[in-house]
Amino acid sequence: MTTTILRTTARIVVPLVVLVSVALFVQGHNQPGGGFIAGVLTTTAFVLVYVTYGLDFLEEEVFARTFEDVVSHLRHGVVADYRRLFAVGLVLAVGSGLVPLYWDLPFLSQDHWYVNGVPLYGEVHVASAVAFDLGVYAVVVGALLTIVSVVGAE
């Protein structure tokens, strides 16, 4: 049973944590740890939702799914989604490292471009490291939320 204070705090804090996570991810390709720390913060937001409302809330209310057999925590569709997210992130991270090998460059070599005419920003710096960071982000979120979901359902 959660308190009104916890539910109110979660409604305020979760969007702020996600916003900071997005900001850290966006600047991460210019500074170390962007994908990793953004993934950890996103997981923190989900953990706060789990603690406040439970895994069933996420499954039924957020993802609008129903499940008949609640005996096994592995029957929650969200756990399977986290595993898929982990696998996709791993493929993306490794794939982004292998792409430079096609042009006889070292593993994980990167390049960058400038995109002009972006509304509100004008010019945006885009690095190929964003693909690697996105893979790391997906691996971290997928792995940590799988662990939290499985352990939390016990």
N, C-alpha and C. Protein backbone atom coordinates (compact mmCIF):
# COMPACT_ATOMS: atom_id res chain seq x y z
N MET A 1 0.84 -1.18 0.00
CA MET A 1 0.00 0.00 0.00
C MET A 1 0.89 1.25 0.00
N THR A 2 0.66 2.13 -0.93
CA THR A 2 1.46 3.35 -1.00
C THR A 2 0.67 4.52 -0.42
N THR A 3 1.41 5.53 -0.05
CA THR A 3 0.78 6.70 0.55
C THR A 3 0.48 7.75 -0.51
N THR A 4 -0.35 8.68 -0.14
CA THR A 4 -0.68 9.79 -1.04
C THR A 4 0.56 10.64 -1.32
N ILE A 5 1.40 10.77 -0.33
CA ILE A 5 2.62 11.55 -0.51
C ILE A 5 3.53 10.90 -1.55
N LEU A 6 3.69 9.58 -1.48
CA LEU A 6 4.53 8.88 -2.44
C LEU A 6 3.95 8.99 -3.85
N ARG A 7 2.64 8.82 -3.98
CA ARG A 7 2.01 8.92 -5.31
C ARG A 7 2.15 10.33 -5.88
N THR A 8 1.95 11.33 -5.05
CA THR A 8 2.09 12.71 -5.51
C THR A 8 3.53 13.02 -5.89
N THR A 9 4.46 12.57 -5.08
CA THR A 9 5.88 12.78 -5.37
C THR A 9 6.27 12.08 -6.67
N ALA A 10 5.79 10.88 -6.87
CA ALA A 10 6.12 10.14 -8.10
C ALA A 10 5.58 10.87 -9.32
N ARG A 11 4.38 11.40 -9.25
CA ARG A 11 3.81 12.13 -10.39
C ARG A 11 4.64 13.36 -10.76
N ILE A 12 5.30 13.95 -9.78
CA ILE A 12 6.11 15.14 -10.04
C ILE A 12 7.54 14.76 -10.43
N VAL A 13 8.12 13.79 -9.74
CA VAL A 13 9.53 13.47 -9.92
C VAL A 13 9.79 12.65 -11.18
N VAL A 14 8.93 11.71 -11.52
CA VAL A 14 9.18 10.83 -12.66
C VAL A 14 9.37 11.62 -13.96
N PRO A 15 8.49 12.57 -14.31
CA PRO A 15 8.74 13.34 -15.54
C PRO A 15 10.04 14.14 -15.50
N LEU A 16 10.41 14.65 -14.33
CA LEU A 16 11.66 15.40 -14.21
C LEU A 16 12.87 14.49 -14.41
N VAL A 17 12.83 13.30 -13.85
CA VAL A 17 13.92 12.34 -14.01
C VAL A 17 14.07 11.94 -15.47
N VAL A 18 12.94 11.70 -16.14
CA VAL A 18 12.98 11.34 -17.55
C VAL A 18 13.53 12.49 -18.38
N LEU A 19 13.15 13.72 -18.06
CA LEU A 19 13.65 14.89 -18.77
C LEU A 19 15.16 15.04 -18.60
N VAL A 20 15.67 14.86 -17.40
CA VAL A 20 17.11 14.92 -17.16
C VAL A 20 17.81 13.77 -17.90
N SER A 21 17.18 12.61 -17.93
CA SER A 21 17.74 11.47 -18.65
C SER A 21 17.88 11.78 -20.14
N VAL A 22 16.86 12.37 -20.72
CA VAL A 22 16.91 12.74 -22.14
C VAL A 22 18.01 13.78 -22.38
N ALA A 23 18.11 14.76 -21.50
CA ALA A 23 19.15 15.80 -21.64
C ALA A 23 20.55 15.19 -21.57
N LEU A 24 20.76 14.26 -20.64
CA LEU A 24 22.07 13.61 -20.53
C LEU A 24 22.37 12.74 -21.74
N PHE A 25 21.34 12.09 -22.28
CA PHE A 25 21.55 11.28 -23.48
C PHE A 25 21.92 12.15 -24.67
N VAL A 26 21.23 13.26 -24.84
CA VAL A 26 21.48 14.13 -25.99
C VAL A 26 22.89 14.70 -25.97
N GLN A 27 23.38 15.07 -24.80
CA GLN A 27 24.74 15.63 -24.75
C GLN A 27 25.80 14.56 -24.56
N GLY A 28 25.39 13.30 -24.42
CA GLY A 28 26.31 12.22 -24.11
C GLY A 28 27.32 11.91 -25.17
N HIS A 29 27.01 12.15 -26.45
CA HIS A 29 27.99 11.81 -27.48
C HIS A 29 29.15 12.80 -27.49
N ASN A 30 29.00 13.91 -26.79
CA ASN A 30 30.09 14.88 -26.66
C ASN A 30 30.85 14.71 -25.34
N GLN A 31 30.26 13.98 -24.41
CA GLN A 31 30.87 13.76 -23.10
C GLN A 31 30.75 12.28 -22.75
N PRO A 32 31.63 11.77 -21.92
CA PRO A 32 31.58 10.34 -21.60
C PRO A 32 30.33 9.96 -20.79
N GLY A 33 29.84 8.76 -21.05
CA GLY A 33 28.79 8.19 -20.22
C GLY A 33 27.37 8.58 -20.54
N GLY A 34 27.09 9.19 -21.66
CA GLY A 34 25.75 9.67 -21.97
C GLY A 34 24.70 8.58 -22.00
N GLY A 35 24.93 7.53 -22.76
CA GLY A 35 23.96 6.45 -22.87
C GLY A 35 23.80 5.67 -21.58
N PHE A 36 24.90 5.46 -20.88
CA PHE A 36 24.85 4.68 -19.65
C PHE A 36 24.08 5.42 -18.55
N ILE A 37 24.47 6.65 -18.27
CA ILE A 37 23.83 7.38 -17.17
C ILE A 37 22.39 7.72 -17.50
N ALA A 38 22.08 7.97 -18.77
CA ALA A 38 20.69 8.22 -19.16
C ALA A 38 19.86 6.96 -18.95
N GLY A 39 20.42 5.80 -19.24
CA GLY A 39 19.72 4.54 -19.01
C GLY A 39 19.48 4.27 -17.54
N VAL A 40 20.47 4.58 -16.71
CA VAL A 40 20.31 4.39 -15.27
C VAL A 40 19.23 5.32 -14.73
N LEU A 41 19.20 6.56 -15.19
CA LEU A 41 18.16 7.49 -14.73
C LEU A 41 16.77 7.08 -15.21
N THR A 42 16.66 6.60 -16.43
CA THR A 42 15.37 6.12 -16.92
C THR A 42 14.90 4.94 -16.09
N THR A 43 15.81 4.04 -15.77
CA THR A 43 15.47 2.90 -14.92
C THR A 43 15.02 3.37 -13.55
N THR A 44 15.66 4.40 -13.02
CA THR A 44 15.26 4.96 -11.73
C THR A 44 13.83 5.47 -11.77
N ALA A 45 13.44 6.11 -12.86
CA ALA A 45 12.07 6.59 -12.99
C ALA A 45 11.09 5.42 -13.00
N PHE A 46 11.42 4.35 -13.74
CA PHE A 46 10.55 3.18 -13.78
C PHE A 46 10.48 2.50 -12.42
N VAL A 47 11.59 2.44 -11.71
CA VAL A 47 11.60 1.83 -10.38
C VAL A 47 10.70 2.62 -9.44
N LEU A 48 10.72 3.93 -9.55
CA LEU A 48 9.83 4.75 -8.73
C LEU A 48 8.37 4.46 -9.05
N VAL A 49 8.06 4.25 -10.32
CA VAL A 49 6.69 3.87 -10.70
C VAL A 49 6.35 2.50 -10.14
N TYR A 50 7.29 1.54 -10.21
CA TYR A 50 7.06 0.20 -9.65
C TYR A 50 6.80 0.26 -8.16
N VAL A 51 7.64 1.01 -7.44
CA VAL A 51 7.49 1.10 -5.99
C VAL A 51 6.16 1.74 -5.63
N THR A 52 5.77 2.73 -6.39
CA THR A 52 4.56 3.47 -6.09
C THR A 52 3.30 2.70 -6.48
N TYR A 53 3.26 2.17 -7.69
CA TYR A 53 2.04 1.59 -8.22
C TYR A 53 2.10 0.08 -8.47
N GLY A 54 3.28 -0.50 -8.59
CA GLY A 54 3.42 -1.93 -8.83
C GLY A 54 3.57 -2.27 -10.30
N LEU A 55 4.06 -3.48 -10.56
CA LEU A 55 4.27 -3.96 -11.92
C LEU A 55 2.96 -4.14 -12.67
N ASP A 56 1.93 -4.56 -11.95
CA ASP A 56 0.62 -4.74 -12.59
C ASP A 56 0.06 -3.43 -13.14
N PHE A 57 0.30 -2.33 -12.45
CA PHE A 57 -0.15 -1.02 -12.92
C PHE A 57 0.48 -0.70 -14.27
N LEU A 58 1.77 -0.93 -14.37
CA LEU A 58 2.46 -0.65 -15.63
C LEU A 58 1.90 -1.51 -16.75
N GLU A 59 1.66 -2.77 -16.45
CA GLU A 59 1.16 -3.70 -17.46
C GLU A 59 -0.26 -3.34 -17.90
N GLU A 60 -1.14 -3.11 -16.95
CA GLU A 60 -2.55 -2.91 -17.27
C GLU A 60 -2.90 -1.48 -17.65
N GLU A 61 -2.39 -0.52 -16.91
CA GLU A 61 -2.80 0.87 -17.12
C GLU A 61 -1.96 1.60 -18.15
N VAL A 62 -0.66 1.41 -18.12
CA VAL A 62 0.22 2.14 -19.04
C VAL A 62 0.23 1.48 -20.42
N PHE A 63 0.44 0.15 -20.44
CA PHE A 63 0.52 -0.56 -21.72
C PHE A 63 -0.81 -1.15 -22.18
N ALA A 64 -1.87 -1.02 -21.36
CA ALA A 64 -3.23 -1.48 -21.67
C ALA A 64 -3.26 -2.94 -22.08
N ARG A 65 -2.58 -3.79 -21.31
CA ARG A 65 -2.58 -5.22 -21.56
C ARG A 65 -3.29 -5.92 -20.42
N THR A 66 -3.84 -7.06 -20.72
CA THR A 66 -4.42 -7.88 -19.66
C THR A 66 -3.69 -9.21 -19.65
N PHE A 67 -3.64 -9.81 -18.51
CA PHE A 67 -3.02 -11.13 -18.40
C PHE A 67 -3.84 -11.95 -17.42
N GLU A 68 -4.02 -13.21 -17.76
CA GLU A 68 -4.86 -14.08 -16.96
C GLU A 68 -4.10 -14.76 -15.83
N ASP A 69 -2.90 -15.21 -16.12
CA ASP A 69 -2.14 -15.97 -15.15
C ASP A 69 -1.11 -15.07 -14.48
N VAL A 70 -1.37 -14.67 -13.25
CA VAL A 70 -0.44 -13.80 -12.54
C VAL A 70 0.44 -14.60 -11.58
N VAL A 71 0.38 -15.92 -11.66
CA VAL A 71 1.19 -16.75 -10.77
C VAL A 71 2.66 -16.56 -11.09
N SER A 72 3.00 -16.53 -12.34
CA SER A 72 4.40 -16.39 -12.74
C SER A 72 4.69 -14.96 -13.16
N HIS A 73 5.71 -14.37 -12.58
CA HIS A 73 6.11 -13.01 -12.93
C HIS A 73 6.63 -12.93 -14.36
N LEU A 74 7.06 -14.04 -14.91
CA LEU A 74 7.57 -14.03 -16.28
C LEU A 74 6.46 -13.95 -17.32
N ARG A 75 5.21 -14.07 -16.89
CA ARG A 75 4.09 -13.97 -17.82
C ARG A 75 3.75 -12.51 -18.12
N HIS A 76 4.29 -11.60 -17.36
CA HIS A 76 4.07 -10.18 -17.66
C HIS A 76 4.72 -9.87 -19.00
N GLY A 77 3.97 -9.29 -19.90
CA GLY A 77 4.51 -8.95 -21.22
C GLY A 77 5.61 -7.93 -21.15
N VAL A 78 5.59 -7.11 -20.11
CA VAL A 78 6.58 -6.05 -20.01
C VAL A 78 7.98 -6.63 -19.78
N VAL A 79 8.09 -7.75 -19.11
CA VAL A 79 9.40 -8.37 -18.89
C VAL A 79 9.96 -8.85 -20.23
N ALA A 80 9.12 -9.42 -21.06
CA ALA A 80 9.57 -9.84 -22.40
C ALA A 80 9.98 -8.63 -23.23
N ASP A 81 9.27 -7.52 -23.07
CA ASP A 81 9.64 -6.29 -23.78
C ASP A 81 11.01 -5.79 -23.34
N TYR A 82 11.29 -5.88 -22.06
CA TYR A 82 12.60 -5.45 -21.56
C TYR A 82 13.71 -6.33 -22.12
N ARG A 83 13.46 -7.60 -22.23
CA ARG A 83 14.45 -8.51 -22.80
C ARG A 83 14.70 -8.18 -24.27
N ARG A 84 13.62 -7.87 -25.00
CA ARG A 84 13.77 -7.49 -26.41
C ARG A 84 14.55 -6.18 -26.52
N LEU A 85 14.26 -5.23 -25.63
CA LEU A 85 14.98 -3.96 -25.64
C LEU A 85 16.47 -4.18 -25.41
N PHE A 86 16.81 -5.08 -24.49
CA PHE A 86 18.20 -5.43 -24.24
C PHE A 86 18.86 -5.98 -25.50
N ALA A 87 18.18 -6.92 -26.16
CA ALA A 87 18.74 -7.55 -27.36
C ALA A 87 18.92 -6.54 -28.50
N VAL A 88 17.93 -5.68 -28.70
CA VAL A 88 18.03 -4.66 -29.76
C VAL A 88 19.17 -3.70 -29.45
N GLY A 89 19.32 -3.31 -28.19
CA GLY A 89 20.40 -2.42 -27.80
C GLY A 89 21.77 -3.04 -28.01
N LEU A 90 21.88 -4.30 -27.71
CA LEU A 90 23.15 -5.00 -27.90
C LEU A 90 23.51 -5.07 -29.38
N VAL A 91 22.53 -5.38 -30.21
CA VAL A 91 22.76 -5.43 -31.66
C VAL A 91 23.16 -4.05 -32.18
N LEU A 92 22.47 -3.01 -31.70
CA LEU A 92 22.77 -1.64 -32.15
C LEU A 92 24.17 -1.20 -31.72
N ALA A 93 24.54 -1.48 -30.48
CA ALA A 93 25.86 -1.07 -29.98
C ALA A 93 26.98 -1.80 -30.72
N VAL A 94 26.83 -3.10 -30.88
CA VAL A 94 27.86 -3.86 -31.59
C VAL A 94 27.87 -3.49 -33.07
N GLY A 95 26.68 -3.34 -33.65
CA GLY A 95 26.59 -2.96 -35.06
C GLY A 95 27.21 -1.62 -35.35
N SER A 96 27.02 -0.65 -34.44
CA SER A 96 27.62 0.66 -34.66
C SER A 96 29.14 0.61 -34.58
N GLY A 97 29.67 -0.37 -33.86
CA GLY A 97 31.11 -0.55 -33.81
C GLY A 97 31.66 -1.27 -35.03
N LEU A 98 30.82 -2.12 -35.64
CA LEU A 98 31.26 -2.89 -36.79
C LEU A 98 31.16 -2.13 -38.11
N VAL A 99 30.29 -1.15 -38.19
CA VAL A 99 30.09 -0.40 -39.44
C VAL A 99 31.39 0.21 -39.97
N PRO A 100 32.23 0.82 -39.14
CA PRO A 100 33.48 1.39 -39.67
C PRO A 100 34.41 0.36 -40.31
N LEU A 101 34.30 -0.89 -39.91
CA LEU A 101 35.15 -1.93 -40.50
C LEU A 101 34.89 -2.08 -41.99
N TYR A 102 33.68 -1.75 -42.44
CA TYR A 102 33.34 -1.82 -43.86
C TYR A 102 34.23 -0.88 -44.68
N TRP A 103 34.61 0.26 -44.09
CA TRP A 103 35.47 1.23 -44.78
C TRP A 103 36.93 1.13 -44.33
N ASP A 104 37.32 -0.02 -43.83
CA ASP A 104 38.69 -0.28 -43.37
C ASP A 104 39.15 0.70 -42.29
N LEU A 105 38.24 1.08 -41.43
CA LEU A 105 38.56 1.92 -40.28
C LEU A 105 38.55 1.05 -39.03
N PRO A 106 39.19 1.49 -37.95
CA PRO A 106 39.20 0.69 -36.72
C PRO A 106 37.79 0.54 -36.12
N PHE A 107 37.62 -0.52 -35.37
CA PHE A 107 36.37 -0.79 -34.66
C PHE A 107 35.99 0.42 -33.81
N LEU A 108 34.73 0.81 -33.84
CA LEU A 108 34.17 1.94 -33.08
C LEU A 108 34.70 3.30 -33.52
N SER A 109 35.24 3.42 -34.71
CA SER A 109 35.61 4.75 -35.23
C SER A 109 34.34 5.56 -35.39
N GLN A 110 34.48 6.87 -35.25
CA GLN A 110 33.29 7.70 -35.38
C GLN A 110 33.54 8.90 -36.25
N ASP A 111 32.45 9.48 -36.70
CA ASP A 111 32.49 10.67 -37.53
C ASP A 111 31.40 11.60 -37.03
N HIS A 112 31.36 12.79 -37.56
CA HIS A 112 30.31 13.73 -37.15
C HIS A 112 29.91 14.60 -38.32
N TRP A 113 28.70 15.12 -38.23
CA TRP A 113 28.14 15.98 -39.27
C TRP A 113 27.41 17.14 -38.62
N TYR A 114 27.14 18.16 -39.43
CA TYR A 114 26.34 19.29 -38.98
C TYR A 114 25.08 19.34 -39.84
N VAL A 115 23.94 19.38 -39.18
CA VAL A 115 22.66 19.43 -39.87
C VAL A 115 22.13 20.86 -39.72
N ASN A 116 21.89 21.53 -40.85
CA ASN A 116 21.41 22.91 -40.85
C ASN A 116 19.90 22.95 -41.03
N GLY A 117 19.30 24.05 -40.59
CA GLY A 117 17.87 24.28 -40.79
C GLY A 117 16.97 23.55 -39.82
N VAL A 118 17.48 23.17 -38.66
CA VAL A 118 16.65 22.51 -37.65
C VAL A 118 15.87 23.58 -36.90
N PRO A 119 14.52 23.45 -36.84
CA PRO A 119 13.72 24.46 -36.15
C PRO A 119 14.16 24.63 -34.70
N LEU A 120 14.20 25.85 -34.25
CA LEU A 120 14.57 26.27 -32.89
C LEU A 120 16.06 26.18 -32.60
N TYR A 121 16.80 25.39 -33.35
CA TYR A 121 18.22 25.23 -33.10
C TYR A 121 19.10 25.79 -34.19
N GLY A 122 18.62 25.80 -35.41
CA GLY A 122 19.43 26.24 -36.53
C GLY A 122 20.35 25.14 -37.01
N GLU A 123 21.52 25.03 -36.37
CA GLU A 123 22.50 24.02 -36.74
C GLU A 123 22.69 23.04 -35.58
N VAL A 124 22.68 21.75 -35.90
CA VAL A 124 22.82 20.71 -34.88
C VAL A 124 24.01 19.82 -35.24
N HIS A 125 24.83 19.55 -34.24
CA HIS A 125 25.98 18.67 -34.40
C HIS A 125 25.53 17.24 -34.13
N VAL A 126 25.72 16.33 -35.09
CA VAL A 126 25.32 14.94 -34.94
C VAL A 126 26.57 14.07 -35.10
N ALA A 127 26.79 13.21 -34.12
CA ALA A 127 27.94 12.30 -34.18
C ALA A 127 27.46 10.88 -34.37
N SER A 128 28.26 10.08 -35.02
CA SER A 128 27.89 8.67 -35.21
C SER A 128 27.90 7.92 -33.87
N ALA A 129 28.51 8.49 -32.86
CA ALA A 129 28.53 7.87 -31.54
C ALA A 129 27.13 7.82 -30.92
N VAL A 130 26.19 8.57 -31.47
CA VAL A 130 24.81 8.54 -30.97
C VAL A 130 24.23 7.14 -31.11
N ALA A 131 24.55 6.45 -32.20
CA ALA A 131 24.05 5.08 -32.40
C ALA A 131 24.58 4.16 -31.30
N PHE A 132 25.86 4.29 -30.97
CA PHE A 132 26.43 3.48 -29.90
C PHE A 132 25.80 3.83 -28.57
N ASP A 133 25.65 5.13 -28.29
CA ASP A 133 25.01 5.56 -27.04
C ASP A 133 23.58 5.05 -26.93
N LEU A 134 22.86 5.06 -28.05
CA LEU A 134 21.49 4.55 -28.03
C LEU A 134 21.48 3.05 -27.73
N GLY A 135 22.43 2.33 -28.27
CA GLY A 135 22.55 0.91 -27.97
C GLY A 135 22.86 0.66 -26.50
N VAL A 136 23.80 1.42 -25.96
CA VAL A 136 24.15 1.30 -24.54
C VAL A 136 22.94 1.64 -23.68
N TYR A 137 22.23 2.71 -24.04
CA TYR A 137 21.02 3.11 -23.31
C TYR A 137 20.01 1.96 -23.28
N ALA A 138 19.76 1.36 -24.44
CA ALA A 138 18.78 0.27 -24.52
C ALA A 138 19.24 -0.95 -23.72
N VAL A 139 20.52 -1.26 -23.76
CA VAL A 139 21.05 -2.39 -22.99
C VAL A 139 20.88 -2.14 -21.49
N VAL A 140 21.23 -0.95 -21.05
CA VAL A 140 21.15 -0.64 -19.61
C VAL A 140 19.69 -0.66 -19.14
N VAL A 141 18.81 0.00 -19.88
CA VAL A 141 17.40 0.03 -19.48
C VAL A 141 16.81 -1.37 -19.53
N GLY A 142 17.05 -2.10 -20.60
CA GLY A 142 16.51 -3.44 -20.73
C GLY A 142 17.00 -4.38 -19.64
N ALA A 143 18.30 -4.37 -19.38
CA ALA A 143 18.87 -5.27 -18.37
C ALA A 143 18.41 -4.91 -16.96
N LEU A 144 18.52 -3.65 -16.60
CA LEU A 144 18.15 -3.26 -15.24
C LEU A 144 16.65 -3.43 -14.97
N LEU A 145 15.82 -3.10 -15.94
CA LEU A 145 14.38 -3.26 -15.71
C LEU A 145 13.96 -4.72 -15.72
N THR A 146 14.65 -5.56 -16.47
CA THR A 146 14.37 -7.00 -16.38
C THR A 146 14.70 -7.50 -14.98
N ILE A 147 15.85 -7.12 -14.46
CA ILE A 147 16.25 -7.53 -13.11
C ILE A 147 15.28 -7.02 -12.07
N VAL A 148 14.95 -5.74 -12.15
CA VAL A 148 14.04 -5.13 -11.18
C VAL A 148 12.66 -5.79 -11.24
N SER A 149 12.16 -6.05 -12.45
CA SER A 149 10.84 -6.65 -12.60
C SER A 149 10.78 -8.07 -12.07
N VAL A 150 11.80 -8.86 -12.39
CA VAL A 150 11.81 -10.25 -11.95
C VAL A 150 12.02 -10.33 -10.44
N VAL A 151 12.97 -9.58 -9.92
CA VAL A 151 13.22 -9.61 -8.48
C VAL A 151 12.05 -8.98 -7.72
N GLY A 152 11.49 -7.90 -8.27
CA GLY A 152 10.38 -7.24 -7.59
C GLY A 152 9.11 -8.06 -7.57
N ALA A 153 8.94 -8.96 -8.52
CA ALA A 153 7.74 -9.80 -8.54
C ALA A 153 7.81 -10.94 -7.55
N GLU A 154 8.99 -11.20 -7.01
CA GLU A 154 9.16 -12.30 -6.04
C GLU A 154 8.53 -11.95 -4.71
